[in-house]
């Protein structure tokens, strides 16, 4: 669930009402995302790894906002988009061009030609 909350006290109230959810603030504006604590990008990757026999070290992840930091650190190669917030860029192994410049497409063409 994503909600816009202007009052920090209301954010805390909602956190208390939803104890089994994580709360992540988006980097632009006063938007917050509430998700079940077990429904994270990291958990999804680990579940995929278990089902497929692939290790997280073999995965390349792309991200640009707070909720992507853990995923970028978990995977073998964490890539921040050029438009990412500074915290994501610091957590990443590499920074590529932003979304508007087709950063992921350029990365894939350079690293997986043919």
C-alpha atoms as a PDB file:
ATOM      1  CA  UNK A   1       0.000   0.000   0.000  1.00  0.00           C
ATOM      2  CA  UNK A   2       1.381   3.413  -0.958  1.00  0.00           C
ATOM      3  CA  UNK A   3       0.103   6.509   0.797  1.00  0.00           C
ATOM      4  CA  UNK A   4       0.971  10.174   0.893  1.00  0.00           C
ATOM      5  CA  UNK A   5       1.301  11.362   4.495  1.00  0.00           C
ATOM      6  CA  UNK A   6       2.310  14.926   5.264  1.00  0.00           C
ATOM      7  CA  UNK A   7       2.372  14.617   9.060  1.00  0.00           C
ATOM      8  CA  UNK A   8       5.251  12.506  10.496  1.00  0.00           C
ATOM      9  CA  UNK A   9       3.105  11.662  13.533  1.00  0.00           C
ATOM     10  CA  UNK A  10       0.548  10.051  11.237  1.00  0.00           C
ATOM     11  CA  UNK A  11       3.301   7.923   9.715  1.00  0.00           C
ATOM     12  CA  UNK A  12       4.188   6.658  13.185  1.00  0.00           C
ATOM     13  CA  UNK A  13       0.524   5.994  13.967  1.00  0.00           C
ATOM     14  CA  UNK A  14       0.123   3.947  10.809  1.00  0.00           C
ATOM     15  CA  UNK A  15       3.327   2.016  11.577  1.00  0.00           C
ATOM     16  CA  UNK A  16       1.875   1.144  14.979  1.00  0.00           C
ATOM     17  CA  UNK A  17      -1.401   0.021  13.399  1.00  0.00           C
ATOM     18  CA  UNK A  18       0.465  -2.209  10.950  1.00  0.00           C
ATOM     19  CA  UNK A  19       3.109  -3.972  13.092  1.00  0.00           C
ATOM     20  CA  UNK A  20       3.628  -6.800  10.583  1.00  0.00           C
ATOM     21  CA  UNK A  21       4.480  -4.319   7.819  1.00  0.00           C
ATOM     22  CA  UNK A  22       7.658  -2.503   6.896  1.00  0.00           C
ATOM     23  CA  UNK A  23       7.413   1.181   6.123  1.00  0.00           C
ATOM     24  CA  UNK A  24       9.655   2.675   3.442  1.00  0.00           C
ATOM     25  CA  UNK A  25       9.638   6.316   2.440  1.00  0.00           C
ATOM     26  CA  UNK A  26      10.063   7.141  -1.212  1.00  0.00           C
ATOM     27  CA  UNK A  27      12.808   9.643  -1.992  1.00  0.00           C
ATOM     28  CA  UNK A  28      10.515  12.071  -3.782  1.00  0.00           C
ATOM     29  CA  UNK A  29       7.793  13.693  -1.711  1.00  0.00           C
ATOM     30  CA  UNK A  30       5.931  12.443   1.313  1.00  0.00           C
ATOM     31  CA  UNK A  31       4.998   9.021  -0.025  1.00  0.00           C
ATOM     32  CA  UNK A  32       5.354   5.859   2.050  1.00  0.00           C
ATOM     33  CA  UNK A  33       5.050   2.224   1.080  1.00  0.00           C
ATOM     34  CA  UNK A  34       3.760  -0.328   3.574  1.00  0.00           C
ATOM     35  CA  UNK A  35       4.378  -3.986   2.750  1.00  0.00           C
ATOM     36  CA  UNK A  36       4.347  -7.198   4.727  1.00  0.00           C
ATOM     37  CA  UNK A  37       7.739  -7.702   6.372  1.00  0.00           C
ATOM     38  CA  UNK A  38       8.114 -10.978   4.487  1.00  0.00           C
ATOM     39  CA  UNK A  39       7.396  -9.325   1.099  1.00  0.00           C
ATOM     40  CA  UNK A  40      10.739  -7.716   0.300  1.00  0.00           C
ATOM     41  CA  UNK A  41      12.798  -7.679  -2.855  1.00  0.00           C
ATOM     42  CA  UNK A  42      15.510  -9.530  -0.966  1.00  0.00           C
ATOM     43  CA  UNK A  43      13.078 -12.259   0.102  1.00  0.00           C
ATOM     44  CA  UNK A  44      11.794 -12.599  -3.466  1.00  0.00           C
ATOM     45  CA  UNK A  45      15.352 -13.012  -4.772  1.00  0.00           C
ATOM     46  CA  UNK A  46      16.209 -15.593  -2.106  1.00  0.00           C
ATOM     47  CA  UNK A  47      13.019 -17.523  -2.875  1.00  0.00           C
ATOM     48  CA  UNK A  48      13.876 -17.468  -6.576  1.00  0.00           C
ATOM     49  CA  UNK A  49      17.421 -18.628  -5.803  1.00  0.00           C
ATOM     50  CA  UNK A  50      16.164 -21.542  -3.755  1.00  0.00           C
ATOM     51  CA  UNK A  51      13.707 -22.610  -6.456  1.00  0.00           C
ATOM     52  CA  UNK A  52      16.131 -22.226  -9.358  1.00  0.00           C
ATOM     53  CA  UNK A  53      19.421 -23.323  -7.850  1.00  0.00           C
ATOM     54  CA  UNK A  54      20.983 -19.985  -8.777  1.00  0.00           C
ATOM     55  CA  UNK A  55      22.889 -18.116  -6.086  1.00  0.00           C
ATOM     56  CA  UNK A  56      22.294 -14.453  -5.311  1.00  0.00           C
ATOM     57  CA  UNK A  57      25.929 -13.911  -6.285  1.00  0.00           C
ATOM     58  CA  UNK A  58      24.956 -14.776  -9.882  1.00  0.00           C
ATOM     59  CA  UNK A  59      22.242 -12.092 -10.054  1.00  0.00           C
ATOM     60  CA  UNK A  60      22.534  -8.523 -11.278  1.00  0.00           C
ATOM     61  CA  UNK A  61      20.046  -6.113  -9.716  1.00  0.00           C
ATOM     62  CA  UNK A  62      19.136  -2.578 -10.748  1.00  0.00           C
ATOM     63  CA  UNK A  63      17.725   0.060  -8.410  1.00  0.00           C
ATOM     64  CA  UNK A  64      17.173   3.730  -7.769  1.00  0.00           C
ATOM     65  CA  UNK A  65      15.403   4.258  -4.421  1.00  0.00           C
ATOM     66  CA  UNK A  66      15.637   3.361  -0.729  1.00  0.00           C
ATOM     67  CA  UNK A  67      13.799   0.022  -1.058  1.00  0.00           C
ATOM     68  CA  UNK A  68      16.449  -1.180  -3.517  1.00  0.00           C
ATOM     69  CA  UNK A  69      19.500  -0.830  -1.265  1.00  0.00           C
ATOM     70  CA  UNK A  70      19.222  -4.242   0.406  1.00  0.00           C
ATOM     71  CA  UNK A  71      18.646  -5.935  -2.943  1.00  0.00           C
ATOM     72  CA  UNK A  72      21.705  -4.280  -4.488  1.00  0.00           C
ATOM     73  CA  UNK A  73      23.864  -5.413  -1.570  1.00  0.00           C
ATOM     74  CA  UNK A  74      22.474  -8.973  -1.683  1.00  0.00           C
ATOM     75  CA  UNK A  75      23.101  -9.616  -5.356  1.00  0.00           C
ATOM     76  CA  UNK A  76      26.431 -10.328  -6.988  1.00  0.00           C
ATOM     77  CA  UNK A  77      26.295  -7.098  -8.957  1.00  0.00           C
ATOM     78  CA  UNK A  78      24.254  -4.161  -7.684  1.00  0.00           C
ATOM     79  CA  UNK A  79      23.729  -1.409 -10.215  1.00  0.00           C
ATOM     80  CA  UNK A  80      22.349   2.037  -9.449  1.00  0.00           C
ATOM     81  CA  UNK A  81      20.595   4.025 -12.105  1.00  0.00           C
ATOM     82  CA  UNK A  82      22.022   7.454 -12.889  1.00  0.00           C
ATOM     83  CA  UNK A  83      18.860   9.024 -11.465  1.00  0.00           C
ATOM     84  CA  UNK A  84      19.172   7.050  -8.200  1.00  0.00           C
ATOM     85  CA  UNK A  85      19.337   8.751  -4.845  1.00  0.00           C
ATOM     86  CA  UNK A  86      22.831   9.123  -3.408  1.00  0.00           C
ATOM     87  CA  UNK A  87      22.367   6.351  -0.812  1.00  0.00           C
ATOM     88  CA  UNK A  88      21.598   3.862  -3.583  1.00  0.00           C
ATOM     89  CA  UNK A  89      24.618   4.947  -5.613  1.00  0.00           C
ATOM     90  CA  UNK A  90      26.818   4.446  -2.541  1.00  0.00           C
ATOM     91  CA  UNK A  91      25.415   0.931  -1.971  1.00  0.00           C
ATOM     92  CA  UNK A  92      25.855  -0.104  -5.614  1.00  0.00           C
ATOM     93  CA  UNK A  93      28.840  -1.695  -7.279  1.00  0.00           C
ATOM     94  CA  UNK A  94      28.325   0.425 -10.359  1.00  0.00           C
ATOM     95  CA  UNK A  95      26.292   3.421 -11.559  1.00  0.00           C
ATOM     96  CA  UNK A  96      24.936   3.493 -15.101  1.00  0.00           C
ATOM     97  CA  UNK A  97      22.931   5.965 -17.174  1.00  0.00           C
ATOM     98  CA  UNK A  98      19.490   6.912 -15.886  1.00  0.00           C
ATOM     99  CA  UNK A  99      16.072   5.590 -16.890  1.00  0.00           C
ATOM    100  CA  UNK A 100      15.536   8.306 -19.473  1.00  0.00           C
ATOM    101  CA  UNK A 101      18.848   7.431 -21.163  1.00  0.00           C
ATOM    102  CA  UNK A 102      18.076   3.691 -21.470  1.00  0.00           C
ATOM    103  CA  UNK A 103      20.700   2.828 -18.865  1.00  0.00           C
ATOM    104  CA  UNK A 104      19.649  -0.804 -18.446  1.00  0.00           C
ATOM    105  CA  UNK A 105      19.411  -1.416 -22.201  1.00  0.00           C
ATOM    106  CA  UNK A 106      22.890   0.030 -22.695  1.00  0.00           C
ATOM    107  CA  UNK A 107      24.272  -2.103 -19.844  1.00  0.00           C
ATOM    108  CA  UNK A 108      22.742  -5.272 -21.301  1.00  0.00           C
ATOM    109  CA  UNK A 109      23.996  -4.518 -24.815  1.00  0.00           C
ATOM    110  CA  UNK A 110      27.537  -3.873 -23.501  1.00  0.00           C
ATOM    111  CA  UNK A 111      27.671  -6.904 -21.227  1.00  0.00           C
ATOM    112  CA  UNK A 112      25.551  -9.432 -23.139  1.00  0.00           C
ATOM    113  CA  UNK A 113      26.105  -8.727 -26.840  1.00  0.00           C
ATOM    114  CA  UNK A 114      24.494 -10.787 -29.535  1.00  0.00           C
END
